[in-house]
Amino acid sequence: MLVLVAPGQGAQTPGFLTPWLDLPGAEDRLRAWSDAIDLDLVHYGTKADEDEIRDTAVAQPLLVAAGLLSAGAVRGLLGEGRVGAVAGHSVGEITAAVYAGVLGEEAALRFVRTRGLAMADAAALTPTGMAALLGGDPEVTLPHLAKLGLTPANVNGAGQIVAAGTLEQIAALEADKPEGVRRVVALKVAGAFHTEHMAPAVARLADAAQKLDVSDPALPYVSNKDGQTVATGAEVVARLVGQVANPVRWDLCMETFTEQGVTALIELCPGGTLTGIAKRALRGVRTLALKTPADLDAAREIVAEHAS
């Protein structure tokens, strides 16, 4: 069984979309999406520097656009094969929703544009941030975070937890690491995503969601709220709205993949983060991170062997 996953914010790097523009029609699609959401995705994906693409309002549409381009390339390799399940980490859930047939491409990009702007505005209200904890036992780490007033915003599995809160709380964590944690690494994001600090963004997303044309998933869609497979488009969208202020449970998604019999996992562009976790947590599962179109040859082999 082949699982297709989409990464979240922080996966972007300067110029990462440049090689993808060589695919037939890719630049035209990006320019059309850019016009639809009033954001120059070609510029931000090819020429913008690290600071420009760290901006939440830019990063989120850029990541979904990249995911959609690479997903289209994977779909073209499938033939009569079928992806067994899709999932996304944080904003990557919107990419997954498109692949599952819940949302159209342009509608999804309009929605993620609203999401990015709303979350950027929420982040501006209080100086907040996120930090990854390397190593440690969750049974020790989670109570320590609670003591410091921090939220485990991403529980990623394979021992990886991302904490979020005010900058003062992050500084306190760096000074007082949980027992067993080797390092605390501040992430290149502009706010405490997936925490109560994002609550102001939820209402704006709920309004935007009412304008969406929604269909039920055409293939299993695994939600990072709780790792459950969601059957209706309405429930997928409701979860997309609420997830900005609730933790990402990627560990539970991987448990579901295992229960469903996953044998291979492809991470859409810009791949790397989720495949890194999968290599540690999903032993024996073949993984591939799509970074450039050069990776599509390996994807073709995986599709031939693992797509049902």
C-alpha atoms as a PDB file:
ATOM      1  CA  MET A   1       0.000   0.000   0.000  1.00  0.00           C
ATOM      2  CA  LEU A   2       1.285   3.418  -1.012  1.00  0.00           C
ATOM      3  CA  VAL A   3       0.708   6.459   1.208  1.00  0.00           C
ATOM      4  CA  LEU A   4       1.124  10.000  -0.115  1.00  0.00           C
ATOM      5  CA  VAL A   5       1.957  12.716   2.437  1.00  0.00           C
ATOM      6  CA  ALA A   6       2.444  16.486   2.260  1.00  0.00           C
ATOM      7  CA  PRO A   7       4.841  18.446   4.514  1.00  0.00           C
ATOM      8  CA  GLY A   8       4.053  21.473   6.641  1.00  0.00           C
ATOM      9  CA  GLN A   9       5.495  24.922   7.190  1.00  0.00           C
ATOM     10  CA  GLY A  10       9.243  25.085   7.640  1.00  0.00           C
ATOM     11  CA  ALA A  11       9.964  22.644   4.797  1.00  0.00           C
ATOM     12  CA  GLN A  12      10.434  25.461   2.268  1.00  0.00           C
ATOM     13  CA  THR A  13      13.914  26.623   1.173  1.00  0.00           C
ATOM     14  CA  PRO A  14      14.965  29.435  -1.204  1.00  0.00           C
ATOM     15  CA  GLY A  15      14.598  28.471  -4.862  1.00  0.00           C
ATOM     16  CA  PHE A  16      13.081  25.061  -4.181  1.00  0.00           C
ATOM     17  CA  LEU A  17      10.464  25.405  -6.934  1.00  0.00           C
ATOM     18  CA  THR A  18      12.952  26.335  -9.671  1.00  0.00           C
ATOM     19  CA  PRO A  19      13.484  22.824 -11.105  1.00  0.00           C
ATOM     20  CA  TRP A  20       9.760  22.063 -11.027  1.00  0.00           C
ATOM     21  CA  LEU A  21       9.081  24.855 -13.524  1.00  0.00           C
ATOM     22  CA  ASP A  22      10.723  22.689 -16.188  1.00  0.00           C
ATOM     23  CA  LEU A  23       7.760  20.308 -16.089  1.00  0.00           C
ATOM     24  CA  PRO A  24       5.292  20.889 -18.948  1.00  0.00           C
ATOM     25  CA  GLY A  25       2.631  23.404 -17.918  1.00  0.00           C
ATOM     26  CA  ALA A  26       4.008  23.904 -14.416  1.00  0.00           C
ATOM     27  CA  GLU A  27       4.876  27.580 -14.770  1.00  0.00           C
ATOM     28  CA  ASP A  28       1.523  28.331 -16.404  1.00  0.00           C
ATOM     29  CA  ARG A  29      -0.295  26.662 -13.485  1.00  0.00           C
ATOM     30  CA  LEU A  30       1.744  28.602 -10.946  1.00  0.00           C
ATOM     31  CA  ARG A  31       1.075  31.903 -12.690  1.00  0.00           C
ATOM     32  CA  ALA A  32      -2.659  31.203 -12.878  1.00  0.00           C
ATOM     33  CA  TRP A  33      -2.723  30.351  -9.169  1.00  0.00           C
ATOM     34  CA  SER A  34      -0.704  33.493  -8.455  1.00  0.00           C
ATOM     35  CA  ASP A  35      -3.309  35.614 -10.190  1.00  0.00           C
ATOM     36  CA  ALA A  36      -6.116  33.850  -8.312  1.00  0.00           C
ATOM     37  CA  ILE A  37      -4.657  34.583  -4.864  1.00  0.00           C
ATOM     38  CA  ASP A  38      -2.752  37.817  -5.614  1.00  0.00           C
ATOM     39  CA  LEU A  39       0.610  36.342  -4.621  1.00  0.00           C
ATOM     40  CA  ASP A  40       3.557  35.819  -6.979  1.00  0.00           C
ATOM     41  CA  LEU A  41       4.231  32.139  -6.361  1.00  0.00           C
ATOM     42  CA  VAL A  42       6.823  31.986  -9.152  1.00  0.00           C
ATOM     43  CA  HIS A  43       8.895  34.741  -7.541  1.00  0.00           C
ATOM     44  CA  TYR A  44       8.627  33.327  -4.043  1.00  0.00           C
ATOM     45  CA  GLY A  45       9.384  29.801  -5.192  1.00  0.00           C
ATOM     46  CA  THR A  46      12.414  30.689  -7.302  1.00  0.00           C
ATOM     47  CA  LYS A  47      13.987  34.040  -6.393  1.00  0.00           C
ATOM     48  CA  ALA A  48      12.861  35.049  -2.896  1.00  0.00           C
ATOM     49  CA  ASP A  49      15.279  34.768   0.006  1.00  0.00           C
ATOM     50  CA  GLU A  50      14.850  32.837   3.249  1.00  0.00           C
ATOM     51  CA  ASP A  51      13.327  35.734   5.161  1.00  0.00           C
ATOM     52  CA  GLU A  52      10.707  36.388   2.475  1.00  0.00           C
ATOM     53  CA  ILE A  53       9.485  32.800   2.382  1.00  0.00           C
ATOM     54  CA  ARG A  54       9.486  32.475   6.183  1.00  0.00           C
ATOM     55  CA  ASP A  55       6.524  34.880   6.238  1.00  0.00           C
ATOM     56  CA  THR A  56       3.521  32.750   7.182  1.00  0.00           C
ATOM     57  CA  ALA A  57       1.278  34.480   4.649  1.00  0.00           C
ATOM     58  CA  VAL A  58       3.730  33.501   1.890  1.00  0.00           C
ATOM     59  CA  ALA A  59       5.007  30.130   3.095  1.00  0.00           C
ATOM     60  CA  GLN A  60       1.654  28.423   3.382  1.00  0.00           C
ATOM     61  CA  PRO A  61       0.317  29.059  -0.156  1.00  0.00           C
ATOM     62  CA  LEU A  62       3.789  28.341  -1.522  1.00  0.00           C
ATOM     63  CA  LEU A  63       3.915  24.936   0.157  1.00  0.00           C
ATOM     64  CA  VAL A  64       0.455  23.960  -1.046  1.00  0.00           C
ATOM     65  CA  ALA A  65       1.287  25.059  -4.594  1.00  0.00           C
ATOM     66  CA  ALA A  66       4.479  22.994  -4.509  1.00  0.00           C
ATOM     67  CA  GLY A  67       2.578  20.016  -3.176  1.00  0.00           C
ATOM     68  CA  LEU A  68      -0.017  20.290  -5.916  1.00  0.00           C
ATOM     69  CA  LEU A  69       2.602  20.458  -8.667  1.00  0.00           C
ATOM     70  CA  SER A  70       4.398  17.377  -7.393  1.00  0.00           C
ATOM     71  CA  ALA A  71       1.124  15.556  -6.673  1.00  0.00           C
ATOM     72  CA  GLY A  72       0.102  16.093 -10.277  1.00  0.00           C
ATOM     73  CA  ALA A  73       3.364  14.516 -11.401  1.00  0.00           C
ATOM     74  CA  VAL A  74       2.791  11.495  -9.142  1.00  0.00           C
ATOM     75  CA  ARG A  75      -0.788  11.126 -10.369  1.00  0.00           C
ATOM     76  CA  GLY A  76       0.582  10.989 -13.893  1.00  0.00           C
ATOM     77  CA  LEU A  77       2.732   7.985 -12.939  1.00  0.00           C
ATOM     78  CA  LEU A  78      -0.072   5.950 -11.416  1.00  0.00           C
ATOM     79  CA  GLY A  79      -1.826   4.638 -14.502  1.00  0.00           C
ATOM     80  CA  GLU A  80      -4.381   2.188 -13.114  1.00  0.00           C
ATOM     81  CA  GLY A  81      -2.647   2.152  -9.720  1.00  0.00           C
ATOM     82  CA  ARG A  82      -4.132   3.824  -6.694  1.00  0.00           C
ATOM     83  CA  VAL A  83      -2.778   5.639  -3.652  1.00  0.00           C
ATOM     84  CA  GLY A  84      -3.937   3.793  -0.529  1.00  0.00           C
ATOM     85  CA  ALA A  85      -4.185   6.855   1.717  1.00  0.00           C
ATOM     86  CA  VAL A  86      -3.261  10.538   1.879  1.00  0.00           C
ATOM     87  CA  ALA A  87      -2.365  12.781   4.783  1.00  0.00           C
ATOM     88  CA  GLY A  88      -0.694  16.103   5.448  1.00  0.00           C
ATOM     89  CA  HIS A  89       1.248  17.671   8.266  1.00  0.00           C
ATOM     90  CA  SER A  90      -0.347  20.978   9.329  1.00  0.00           C
ATOM     91  CA  VAL A  91      -0.870  23.067   6.172  1.00  0.00           C
ATOM     92  CA  GLY A  92      -0.030  19.960   4.152  1.00  0.00           C
ATOM     93  CA  GLU A  93      -3.522  18.709   5.018  1.00  0.00           C
ATOM     94  CA  ILE A  94      -4.900  21.160   2.467  1.00  0.00           C
ATOM     95  CA  THR A  95      -2.721  19.601  -0.240  1.00  0.00           C
ATOM     96  CA  ALA A  96      -3.926  16.168   0.855  1.00  0.00           C
ATOM     97  CA  ALA A  97      -7.541  17.351   0.698  1.00  0.00           C
ATOM     98  CA  VAL A  98      -7.081  18.337  -2.942  1.00  0.00           C
ATOM     99  CA  TYR A  99      -5.497  15.002  -3.838  1.00  0.00           C
ATOM    100  CA  ALA A 100      -8.370  13.187  -2.121  1.00  0.00           C
ATOM    101  CA  GLY A 101     -10.862  15.173  -4.215  1.00  0.00           C
ATOM    102  CA  VAL A 102     -12.356  17.142  -1.318  1.00  0.00           C
ATOM    103  CA  LEU A 103     -11.318  20.554  -2.689  1.00  0.00           C
ATOM    104  CA  GLY A 104     -10.427  21.954  -6.090  1.00  0.00           C
ATOM    105  CA  GLU A 105      -6.948  23.368  -6.609  1.00  0.00           C
ATOM    106  CA  GLU A 106      -7.836  27.043  -6.911  1.00  0.00           C
ATOM    107  CA  ALA A 107     -10.327  26.873  -4.038  1.00  0.00           C
ATOM    108  CA  ALA A 108      -7.680  25.242  -1.854  1.00  0.00           C
ATOM    109  CA  LEU A 109      -5.163  27.951  -2.680  1.00  0.00           C
ATOM    110  CA  ARG A 110      -7.667  30.683  -1.865  1.00  0.00           C
ATOM    111  CA  PHE A 111      -8.393  28.931   1.416  1.00  0.00           C
ATOM    112  CA  VAL A 112      -4.718  28.540   2.329  1.00  0.00           C
ATOM    113  CA  ARG A 113      -4.093  32.175   1.417  1.00  0.00           C
ATOM    114  CA  THR A 114      -6.737  33.155   3.977  1.00  0.00           C
ATOM    115  CA  ARG A 115      -5.210  30.689   6.447  1.00  0.00           C
ATOM    116  CA  GLY A 116      -1.736  32.177   6.095  1.00  0.00           C
ATOM    117  CA  LEU A 117      -2.928  35.756   6.468  1.00  0.00           C
ATOM    118  CA  ALA A 118      -5.152  34.917   9.440  1.00  0.00           C
ATOM    119  CA  MET A 119      -2.400  33.018  11.231  1.00  0.00           C
ATOM    120  CA  ALA A 120       0.127  35.769  10.538  1.00  0.00           C
ATOM    121  CA  ASP A 121      -2.260  38.303  12.067  1.00  0.00           C
ATOM    122  CA  ALA A 122      -2.813  36.059  15.087  1.00  0.00           C
ATOM    123  CA  ALA A 123       0.938  35.608  15.512  1.00  0.00           C
ATOM    124  CA  ALA A 124       1.435  39.378  15.491  1.00  0.00           C
ATOM    125  CA  LEU A 125      -0.692  39.792  18.614  1.00  0.00           C
ATOM    126  CA  THR A 126       1.869  38.174  20.939  1.00  0.00           C
ATOM    127  CA  PRO A 127       5.553  37.314  20.302  1.00  0.00           C
ATOM    128  CA  THR A 128       5.464  33.515  20.078  1.00  0.00           C
ATOM    129  CA  GLY A 129       7.450  30.706  18.534  1.00  0.00           C
ATOM    130  CA  MET A 130       8.118  26.989  18.279  1.00  0.00           C
ATOM    131  CA  ALA A 131      11.039  24.720  19.105  1.00  0.00           C
ATOM    132  CA  ALA A 132      11.824  21.087  18.336  1.00  0.00           C
ATOM    133  CA  LEU A 133      13.045  18.850  21.125  1.00  0.00           C
ATOM    134  CA  LEU A 134      15.629  16.297  20.038  1.00  0.00           C
ATOM    135  CA  GLY A 135      15.627  13.130  22.082  1.00  0.00           C
ATOM    136  CA  GLY A 136      13.864  12.423  25.330  1.00  0.00           C
ATOM    137  CA  ASP A 137      10.929  10.340  26.517  1.00  0.00           C
ATOM    138  CA  PRO A 138       7.425  11.785  25.909  1.00  0.00           C
ATOM    139  CA  GLU A 139       6.357  10.619  29.370  1.00  0.00           C
ATOM    140  CA  VAL A 140       9.021  12.921  30.806  1.00  0.00           C
ATOM    141  CA  THR A 141       8.878  15.691  28.195  1.00  0.00           C
ATOM    142  CA  LEU A 142       5.126  16.353  28.137  1.00  0.00           C
ATOM    143  CA  PRO A 143       4.760  17.086  31.883  1.00  0.00           C
ATOM    144  CA  HIS A 144       7.844  19.319  31.688  1.00  0.00           C
ATOM    145  CA  LEU A 145       6.280  21.345  28.859  1.00  0.00           C
ATOM    146  CA  ALA A 146       3.069  21.695  30.854  1.00  0.00           C
ATOM    147  CA  LYS A 147       5.062  22.982  33.815  1.00  0.00           C
ATOM    148  CA  LEU A 148       6.540  25.714  31.603  1.00  0.00           C
ATOM    149  CA  GLY A 149       3.145  26.586  30.094  1.00  0.00           C
ATOM    150  CA  LEU A 150       4.126  25.276  26.657  1.00  0.00           C
ATOM    151  CA  THR A 151       1.928  23.295  24.262  1.00  0.00           C
ATOM    152  CA  PRO A 152       3.133  20.107  22.492  1.00  0.00           C
ATOM    153  CA  ALA A 153       1.997  21.573  19.168  1.00  0.00           C
ATOM    154  CA  ASN A 154       3.410  18.738  17.045  1.00  0.00           C
ATOM    155  CA  VAL A 155       3.711  15.202  18.380  1.00  0.00           C
ATOM    156  CA  ASN A 156       5.483  13.699  15.399  1.00  0.00           C
ATOM    157  CA  GLY A 157       6.466  10.241  16.584  1.00  0.00           C
ATOM    158  CA  ALA A 158       9.934   8.671  16.628  1.00  0.00           C
ATOM    159  CA  GLY A 159      10.536  10.698  19.806  1.00  0.00           C
ATOM    160  CA  GLN A 160      10.080  14.080  18.093  1.00  0.00           C
ATOM    161  CA  ILE A 161       7.976  16.727  19.813  1.00  0.00           C
ATOM    162  CA  VAL A 162       7.648  20.399  18.862  1.00  0.00           C
ATOM    163  CA  ALA A 163       6.769  22.805  21.666  1.00  0.00           C
ATOM    164  CA  ALA A 164       5.049  26.151  21.136  1.00  0.00           C
ATOM    165  CA  GLY A 165       4.323  29.191  23.252  1.00  0.00           C
ATOM    166  CA  THR A 166       5.549  32.682  24.025  1.00  0.00           C
ATOM    167  CA  LEU A 167       9.165  33.576  23.339  1.00  0.00           C
ATOM    168  CA  GLU A 168       9.725  33.801  27.088  1.00  0.00           C
ATOM    169  CA  GLN A 169       8.425  30.252  27.509  1.00  0.00           C
ATOM    170  CA  ILE A 170      10.643  29.014  24.670  1.00  0.00           C
ATOM    171  CA  ALA A 171      13.645  30.695  26.310  1.00  0.00           C
ATOM    172  CA  ALA A 172      12.765  29.011  29.602  1.00  0.00           C
ATOM    173  CA  LEU A 173      12.688  25.658  27.800  1.00  0.00           C
ATOM    174  CA  GLU A 174      16.115  26.268  26.288  1.00  0.00           C
ATOM    175  CA  ALA A 175      17.454  27.040  29.748  1.00  0.00           C
ATOM    176  CA  ASP A 176      15.686  24.109  31.394  1.00  0.00           C
ATOM    177  CA  LYS A 177      15.466  21.130  29.029  1.00  0.00           C
ATOM    178  CA  PRO A 178      13.492  18.030  30.007  1.00  0.00           C
ATOM    179  CA  GLU A 179      15.627  15.153  31.210  1.00  0.00           C
ATOM    180  CA  GLY A 180      16.898  13.156  28.244  1.00  0.00           C
ATOM    181  CA  VAL A 181      16.435  15.913  25.665  1.00  0.00           C
ATOM    182  CA  ARG A 182      19.731  16.560  23.883  1.00  0.00           C
ATOM    183  CA  ARG A 183      18.893  19.850  22.204  1.00  0.00           C
ATOM    184  CA  VAL A 184      16.124  22.419  21.856  1.00  0.00           C
ATOM    185  CA  VAL A 185      16.108  23.867  18.323  1.00  0.00           C
ATOM    186  CA  ALA A 186      14.107  27.010  17.556  1.00  0.00           C
ATOM    187  CA  LEU A 187      12.122  26.633  14.330  1.00  0.00           C
ATOM    188  CA  LYS A 188      11.983  29.145  11.498  1.00  0.00           C
ATOM    189  CA  VAL A 189       8.300  29.947  11.920  1.00  0.00           C
ATOM    190  CA  ALA A 190       6.637  33.190  12.922  1.00  0.00           C
ATOM    191  CA  GLY A 191       4.296  32.048  15.677  1.00  0.00           C
ATOM    192  CA  ALA A 192       2.998  29.385  18.057  1.00  0.00           C
ATOM    193  CA  PHE A 193       0.974  27.453  15.495  1.00  0.00           C
ATOM    194  CA  HIS A 194      -1.490  24.778  16.626  1.00  0.00           C
ATOM    195  CA  THR A 195      -1.978  26.387  20.036  1.00  0.00           C
ATOM    196  CA  GLU A 196      -4.481  28.696  21.703  1.00  0.00           C
ATOM    197  CA  HIS A 197      -2.474  31.627  20.319  1.00  0.00           C
ATOM    198  CA  MET A 198      -3.994  30.857  16.890  1.00  0.00           C
ATOM    199  CA  ALA A 199      -7.602  31.005  18.117  1.00  0.00           C
ATOM    200  CA  PRO A 200      -8.279  34.374  16.386  1.00  0.00           C
ATOM    201  CA  ALA A 201      -7.582  32.712  13.020  1.00  0.00           C
ATOM    202  CA  VAL A 202     -10.246  30.034  13.487  1.00  0.00           C
ATOM    203  CA  ALA A 203     -13.226  32.349  13.008  1.00  0.00           C
ATOM    204  CA  ARG A 204     -11.785  33.767   9.771  1.00  0.00           C
ATOM    205  CA  LEU A 205     -11.179  30.285   8.423  1.00  0.00           C
ATOM    206  CA  ALA A 206     -14.686  29.205   9.379  1.00  0.00           C
ATOM    207  CA  ASP A 207     -16.090  32.079   7.314  1.00  0.00           C
ATOM    208  CA  ALA A 208     -13.872  31.145   4.357  1.00  0.00           C
ATOM    209  CA  ALA A 209     -14.894  27.493   4.643  1.00  0.00           C
ATOM    210  CA  GLN A 210     -18.555  28.381   4.109  1.00  0.00           C
ATOM    211  CA  LYS A 211     -17.691  29.487   0.557  1.00  0.00           C
ATOM    212  CA  LEU A 212     -15.994  26.208  -0.401  1.00  0.00           C
ATOM    213  CA  ASP A 213     -17.442  23.657  -2.796  1.00  0.00           C
ATOM    214  CA  VAL A 214     -16.746  20.412  -0.949  1.00  0.00           C
ATOM    215  CA  SER A 215     -16.875  16.745  -2.012  1.00  0.00           C
ATOM    216  CA  ASP A 216     -16.412  13.582   0.017  1.00  0.00           C
ATOM    217  CA  PRO A 217     -12.916  12.020  -0.135  1.00  0.00           C
ATOM    218  CA  ALA A 218     -12.409   9.699  -3.095  1.00  0.00           C
ATOM    219  CA  LEU A 219      -9.713   7.795  -1.186  1.00  0.00           C
ATOM    220  CA  PRO A 220      -8.787   7.384   2.514  1.00  0.00           C
ATOM    221  CA  TYR A 221      -7.936  10.753   4.080  1.00  0.00           C
ATOM    222  CA  VAL A 222      -6.083  10.455   7.402  1.00  0.00           C
ATOM    223  CA  SER A 223      -6.517  13.465   9.684  1.00  0.00           C
ATOM    224  CA  ASN A 224      -3.640  14.717  11.825  1.00  0.00           C
ATOM    225  CA  LYS A 225      -6.084  15.724  14.540  1.00  0.00           C
ATOM    226  CA  ASP A 226      -6.292  12.146  15.793  1.00  0.00           C
ATOM    227  CA  GLY A 227      -5.001   9.836  13.064  1.00  0.00           C
ATOM    228  CA  GLN A 228      -8.538   8.835  12.075  1.00  0.00           C
ATOM    229  CA  THR A 229      -9.718   8.294   8.519  1.00  0.00           C
ATOM    230  CA  VAL A 230     -12.366  10.915   7.693  1.00  0.00           C
ATOM    231  CA  ALA A 231     -15.291   9.852   5.522  1.00  0.00           C
ATOM    232  CA  THR A 232     -16.995  13.143   4.564  1.00  0.00           C
ATOM    233  CA  GLY A 233     -15.802  16.326   2.945  1.00  0.00           C
ATOM    234  CA  ALA A 234     -17.680  18.426   5.478  1.00  0.00           C
ATOM    235  CA  GLU A 235     -15.754  16.804   8.326  1.00  0.00           C
ATOM    236  CA  VAL A 236     -12.434  17.222   6.479  1.00  0.00           C
ATOM    237  CA  VAL A 237     -13.067  20.950   6.106  1.00  0.00           C
ATOM    238  CA  ALA A 238     -14.228  21.319   9.719  1.00  0.00           C
ATOM    239  CA  ARG A 239     -10.950  19.750  10.804  1.00  0.00           C
ATOM    240  CA  LEU A 240      -8.950  22.034   8.486  1.00  0.00           C
ATOM    241  CA  VAL A 241     -10.549  25.003  10.235  1.00  0.00           C
ATOM    242  CA  GLY A 242      -9.962  23.781  13.769  1.00  0.00           C
ATOM    243  CA  GLN A 243      -6.479  22.368  13.294  1.00  0.00           C
ATOM    244  CA  VAL A 244      -4.760  25.769  13.267  1.00  0.00           C
ATOM    245  CA  ALA A 245      -5.394  26.052  17.020  1.00  0.00           C
ATOM    246  CA  ASN A 246      -5.002  22.362  17.916  1.00  0.00           C
ATOM    247  CA  PRO A 247      -1.942  20.081  18.095  1.00  0.00           C
ATOM    248  CA  VAL A 248      -0.793  17.991  15.136  1.00  0.00           C
ATOM    249  CA  ARG A 249      -0.700  14.279  16.014  1.00  0.00           C
ATOM    250  CA  TRP A 250       1.470  12.936  13.234  1.00  0.00           C
ATOM    251  CA  ASP A 251       2.389   9.996  15.457  1.00  0.00           C
ATOM    252  CA  LEU A 252      -1.224   8.830  15.308  1.00  0.00           C
ATOM    253  CA  CYS A 253      -1.290   9.202  11.515  1.00  0.00           C
ATOM    254  CA  MET A 254       1.681   6.845  11.259  1.00  0.00           C
ATOM    255  CA  GLU A 255      -0.036   4.368  13.563  1.00  0.00           C
ATOM    256  CA  THR A 256      -2.995   4.398  11.168  1.00  0.00           C
ATOM    257  CA  PHE A 257      -0.704   3.895   8.162  1.00  0.00           C
ATOM    258  CA  THR A 258       0.741   0.834   9.901  1.00  0.00           C
ATOM    259  CA  GLU A 259      -2.701  -0.553  10.719  1.00  0.00           C
ATOM    260  CA  GLN A 260      -3.728  -0.103   7.079  1.00  0.00           C
ATOM    261  CA  GLY A 261      -0.671  -2.034   5.874  1.00  0.00           C
ATOM    262  CA  VAL A 262       1.540   0.707   4.429  1.00  0.00           C
ATOM    263  CA  THR A 263       4.500  -0.588   2.422  1.00  0.00           C
ATOM    264  CA  ALA A 264       5.712   2.657   0.808  1.00  0.00           C
ATOM    265  CA  LEU A 265       5.445   6.390   1.519  1.00  0.00           C
ATOM    266  CA  ILE A 266       6.087   9.260  -0.888  1.00  0.00           C
ATOM    267  CA  GLU A 267       6.421  12.778   0.521  1.00  0.00           C
ATOM    268  CA  LEU A 268       5.421  15.540  -1.857  1.00  0.00           C
ATOM    269  CA  CYS A 269       7.637  18.546  -2.584  1.00  0.00           C
ATOM    270  CA  PRO A 270       9.424  19.925  -0.618  1.00  0.00           C
ATOM    271  CA  GLY A 271      10.016  16.465   0.815  1.00  0.00           C
ATOM    272  CA  GLY A 272      12.395  15.445   3.556  1.00  0.00           C
ATOM    273  CA  THR A 273      10.886  16.126   6.972  1.00  0.00           C
ATOM    274  CA  LEU A 274       8.165  13.468   7.002  1.00  0.00           C
ATOM    275  CA  THR A 275      10.294  10.830   5.300  1.00  0.00           C
ATOM    276  CA  GLY A 276      12.950  11.419   7.949  1.00  0.00           C
ATOM    277  CA  ILE A 277      10.393  10.669  10.661  1.00  0.00           C
ATOM    278  CA  ALA A 278       9.026   7.679   8.740  1.00  0.00           C
ATOM    279  CA  LYS A 279      12.466   6.088   8.412  1.00  0.00           C
ATOM    280  CA  ARG A 280      12.672   5.977  12.202  1.00  0.00           C
ATOM    281  CA  ALA A 281       9.039   5.146  12.972  1.00  0.00           C
ATOM    282  CA  LEU A 282       7.905   2.969  10.038  1.00  0.00           C
ATOM    283  CA  ARG A 283      10.586   0.300   9.883  1.00  0.00           C
ATOM    284  CA  GLY A 284      10.636  -1.659   6.645  1.00  0.00           C
ATOM    285  CA  VAL A 285       8.513   0.874   4.764  1.00  0.00           C
ATOM    286  CA  ARG A 286      10.096   2.240   1.602  1.00  0.00           C
ATOM    287  CA  THR A 287      10.227   6.038   1.631  1.00  0.00           C
ATOM    288  CA  LEU A 288      10.887   8.722  -0.954  1.00  0.00           C
ATOM    289  CA  ALA A 289      11.100  12.498  -0.571  1.00  0.00           C
ATOM    290  CA  LEU A 290      10.251  14.447  -3.706  1.00  0.00           C
ATOM    291  CA  LYS A 291      12.707  17.336  -3.812  1.00  0.00           C
ATOM    292  CA  THR A 292      13.114  17.851  -7.570  1.00  0.00           C
ATOM    293  CA  PRO A 293      11.645  16.271 -10.721  1.00  0.00           C
ATOM    294  CA  ALA A 294      14.762  14.078 -10.802  1.00  0.00           C
ATOM    295  CA  ASP A 295      13.142  12.089  -7.980  1.00  0.00           C
ATOM    296  CA  LEU A 296      10.216  11.100 -10.204  1.00  0.00           C
ATOM    297  CA  ASP A 297      12.120   8.138 -11.666  1.00  0.00           C
ATOM    298  CA  ALA A 298      12.336   6.616  -8.192  1.00  0.00           C
ATOM    299  CA  ALA A 299       8.693   7.514  -7.646  1.00  0.00           C
ATOM    300  CA  ARG A 300       7.785   5.612 -10.808  1.00  0.00           C
ATOM    301  CA  GLU A 301       9.437   2.475  -9.407  1.00  0.00           C
ATOM    302  CA  ILE A 302       7.627   2.811  -6.081  1.00  0.00           C
ATOM    303  CA  VAL A 303       4.282   3.370  -7.781  1.00  0.00           C
ATOM    304  CA  ALA A 304       4.785   0.280  -9.944  1.00  0.00           C
ATOM    305  CA  GLU A 305       5.568  -1.877  -6.921  1.00  0.00           C
ATOM    306  CA  HIS A 306       3.256  -0.480  -4.234  1.00  0.00           C
ATOM    307  CA  ALA A 307       0.246   1.309  -5.761  1.00  0.00           C
ATOM    308  CA  SER A 308      -2.710  -1.072  -5.610  1.00  0.00           C
END
